[in-house]
């Protein structure tokens, strides 16, 4: 079952952007008044339910955004996995079989029902933290 409060980061310690995002979230946890859950997703992959929530909170299922309009599920996948799925369900299956195919770092703010990806830089993660520090819920 997916968490319902706080912030979760799907983290890969070998990734620079993931390390920077996780450090930023850890350093601001007390001031931002949130519980931080750090999930090493290669060890503990996100469940199918969590992936569905991630898609909802990212707003990629039915909206415009930085993802390829005709293949929005590719936004969830590492570059080497893009094009290997033809639907969200296939992307979820691919991630569940090989968690390394999940793009990183994804950050989910359960309280605010939003998610961001720390790519191509961590500016969206920084904005999420700034909003938490300003008390925006």
Protein backbone atom coordinates (compact mmCIF):
# COMPACT_ATOMS: atom_id res chain seq x y z
CA UNK A 1 0.00 0.00 0.00
CA UNK A 2 1.21 3.50 -0.86
CA UNK A 3 1.90 6.07 1.88
CA UNK A 4 -0.73 8.75 2.42
CA UNK A 5 1.28 11.54 4.10
CA UNK A 6 4.68 13.12 3.87
CA UNK A 7 7.11 12.94 0.95
CA UNK A 8 8.59 9.90 -0.74
CA UNK A 9 11.65 10.01 -2.96
CA UNK A 10 12.36 7.06 -5.25
CA UNK A 11 16.12 7.16 -4.94
CA UNK A 12 19.15 5.65 -6.64
CA UNK A 13 22.28 6.39 -4.57
CA UNK A 14 24.43 6.01 -7.68
CA UNK A 15 22.67 8.92 -9.44
CA UNK A 16 23.96 12.47 -8.83
CA UNK A 17 20.55 14.12 -9.29
CA UNK A 18 18.97 11.57 -6.99
CA UNK A 19 21.60 12.19 -4.30
CA UNK A 20 21.19 15.97 -4.60
CA UNK A 21 17.40 15.72 -4.43
CA UNK A 22 17.50 13.39 -1.43
CA UNK A 23 19.98 15.64 0.41
CA UNK A 24 17.81 18.70 -0.24
CA UNK A 25 14.72 16.88 1.04
CA UNK A 26 16.58 15.59 4.13
CA UNK A 27 18.04 19.00 4.99
CA UNK A 28 14.63 20.70 4.85
CA UNK A 29 12.50 17.99 6.45
CA UNK A 30 12.18 19.63 9.87
CA UNK A 31 11.67 23.19 8.57
CA UNK A 32 9.25 21.96 5.90
CA UNK A 33 7.32 19.93 8.47
CA UNK A 34 7.16 16.68 6.51
CA UNK A 35 8.09 13.08 7.06
CA UNK A 36 10.53 11.86 4.43
CA UNK A 37 10.48 8.31 3.12
CA UNK A 38 13.55 7.40 1.05
CA UNK A 39 12.91 4.36 -1.13
CA UNK A 40 15.81 2.73 -2.91
CA UNK A 41 13.59 1.64 -5.74
CA UNK A 42 15.99 -0.96 -7.14
CA UNK A 43 15.68 -2.80 -3.82
CA UNK A 44 12.03 -1.95 -3.12
CA UNK A 45 10.29 -1.16 -6.42
CA UNK A 46 7.12 0.92 -6.42
CA UNK A 47 3.93 -1.13 -6.48
CA UNK A 48 1.50 -1.05 -9.36
CA UNK A 49 -0.79 1.06 -7.15
CA UNK A 50 2.02 3.55 -6.44
CA UNK A 51 2.85 3.83 -10.15
CA UNK A 52 -0.81 4.58 -10.90
CA UNK A 53 -0.80 7.29 -8.22
CA UNK A 54 2.49 8.65 -9.60
CA UNK A 55 0.91 9.03 -13.06
CA UNK A 56 -2.13 10.76 -11.52
CA UNK A 57 -0.03 13.15 -9.38
CA UNK A 58 2.28 13.97 -12.32
CA UNK A 59 -0.82 14.76 -14.38
CA UNK A 60 0.52 12.94 -17.42
CA UNK A 61 -2.41 10.76 -18.29
CA UNK A 62 -4.65 13.35 -19.93
CA UNK A 63 -2.76 16.66 -19.95
CA UNK A 64 -0.08 18.45 -21.90
CA UNK A 65 3.39 18.50 -20.43
CA UNK A 66 7.08 17.75 -20.95
CA UNK A 67 6.37 14.17 -22.05
CA UNK A 68 5.86 12.94 -25.55
CA UNK A 69 2.18 13.54 -26.29
CA UNK A 70 1.63 10.20 -28.02
CA UNK A 71 3.72 8.19 -25.50
CA UNK A 72 3.29 9.85 -22.07
CA UNK A 73 4.30 6.64 -20.26
CA UNK A 74 7.85 7.12 -21.60
CA UNK A 75 8.16 9.97 -19.05
CA UNK A 76 8.34 7.27 -16.34
CA UNK A 77 11.12 5.36 -18.08
CA UNK A 78 14.88 5.67 -18.39
CA UNK A 79 16.01 6.57 -21.93
CA UNK A 80 17.09 2.99 -22.66
CA UNK A 81 13.56 1.75 -21.83
CA UNK A 82 11.63 4.38 -23.76
CA UNK A 83 9.84 2.91 -26.74
CA UNK A 84 9.62 -0.56 -25.15
CA UNK A 85 6.09 -0.03 -23.82
CA UNK A 86 2.93 0.90 -25.70
CA UNK A 87 0.79 1.83 -22.68
CA UNK A 88 0.98 2.80 -19.03
CA UNK A 89 0.21 -0.82 -18.10
CA UNK A 90 3.15 -2.09 -20.16
CA UNK A 91 5.40 0.59 -18.64
CA UNK A 92 4.30 -0.48 -15.14
CA UNK A 93 5.02 -4.13 -16.02
CA UNK A 94 8.45 -3.19 -17.36
CA UNK A 95 9.28 -1.26 -14.16
CA UNK A 96 7.99 -4.06 -11.94
CA UNK A 97 10.17 -6.61 -13.81
CA UNK A 98 13.24 -4.34 -13.86
CA UNK A 99 13.04 -1.42 -11.40
CA UNK A 100 16.19 0.10 -12.92
CA UNK A 101 13.99 1.15 -15.85
CA UNK A 102 12.20 3.74 -13.66
CA UNK A 103 13.44 7.27 -14.33
CA UNK A 104 14.90 8.96 -11.26
CA UNK A 105 14.49 10.62 -8.90
CA UNK A 106 10.72 10.79 -8.61
CA UNK A 107 9.41 12.69 -5.60
CA UNK A 108 5.82 12.32 -4.41
CA UNK A 109 4.28 14.82 -2.01
CA UNK A 110 1.39 12.77 -0.63
CA UNK A 111 -0.08 15.68 1.36
CA UNK A 112 -0.35 17.93 -1.69
CA UNK A 113 -1.07 15.12 -4.18
CA UNK A 114 1.69 16.15 -6.57
CA UNK A 115 4.77 14.46 -7.97
CA UNK A 116 7.86 15.77 -9.72
CA UNK A 117 10.83 14.33 -11.55
CA UNK A 118 14.33 15.57 -10.75
CA UNK A 119 15.34 15.61 -14.43
CA UNK A 120 16.87 17.11 -16.46
CA UNK A 121 17.80 19.04 -13.31
CA UNK A 122 16.42 19.17 -9.77
CA UNK A 123 14.61 22.52 -10.16
CA UNK A 124 11.17 20.91 -9.75
CA UNK A 125 12.31 19.23 -6.53
CA UNK A 126 13.70 22.57 -5.33
CA UNK A 127 10.36 24.24 -6.09
CA UNK A 128 8.47 21.50 -4.21
CA UNK A 129 10.71 22.05 -1.15
CA UNK A 130 10.37 25.85 -1.38
CA UNK A 131 6.59 25.51 -1.42
CA UNK A 132 6.69 23.25 1.64
CA UNK A 133 8.96 25.73 3.45
CA UNK A 134 6.53 28.56 2.68
CA UNK A 135 3.72 26.50 4.22
CA UNK A 136 1.93 25.92 0.92
CA UNK A 137 -0.25 22.84 1.28
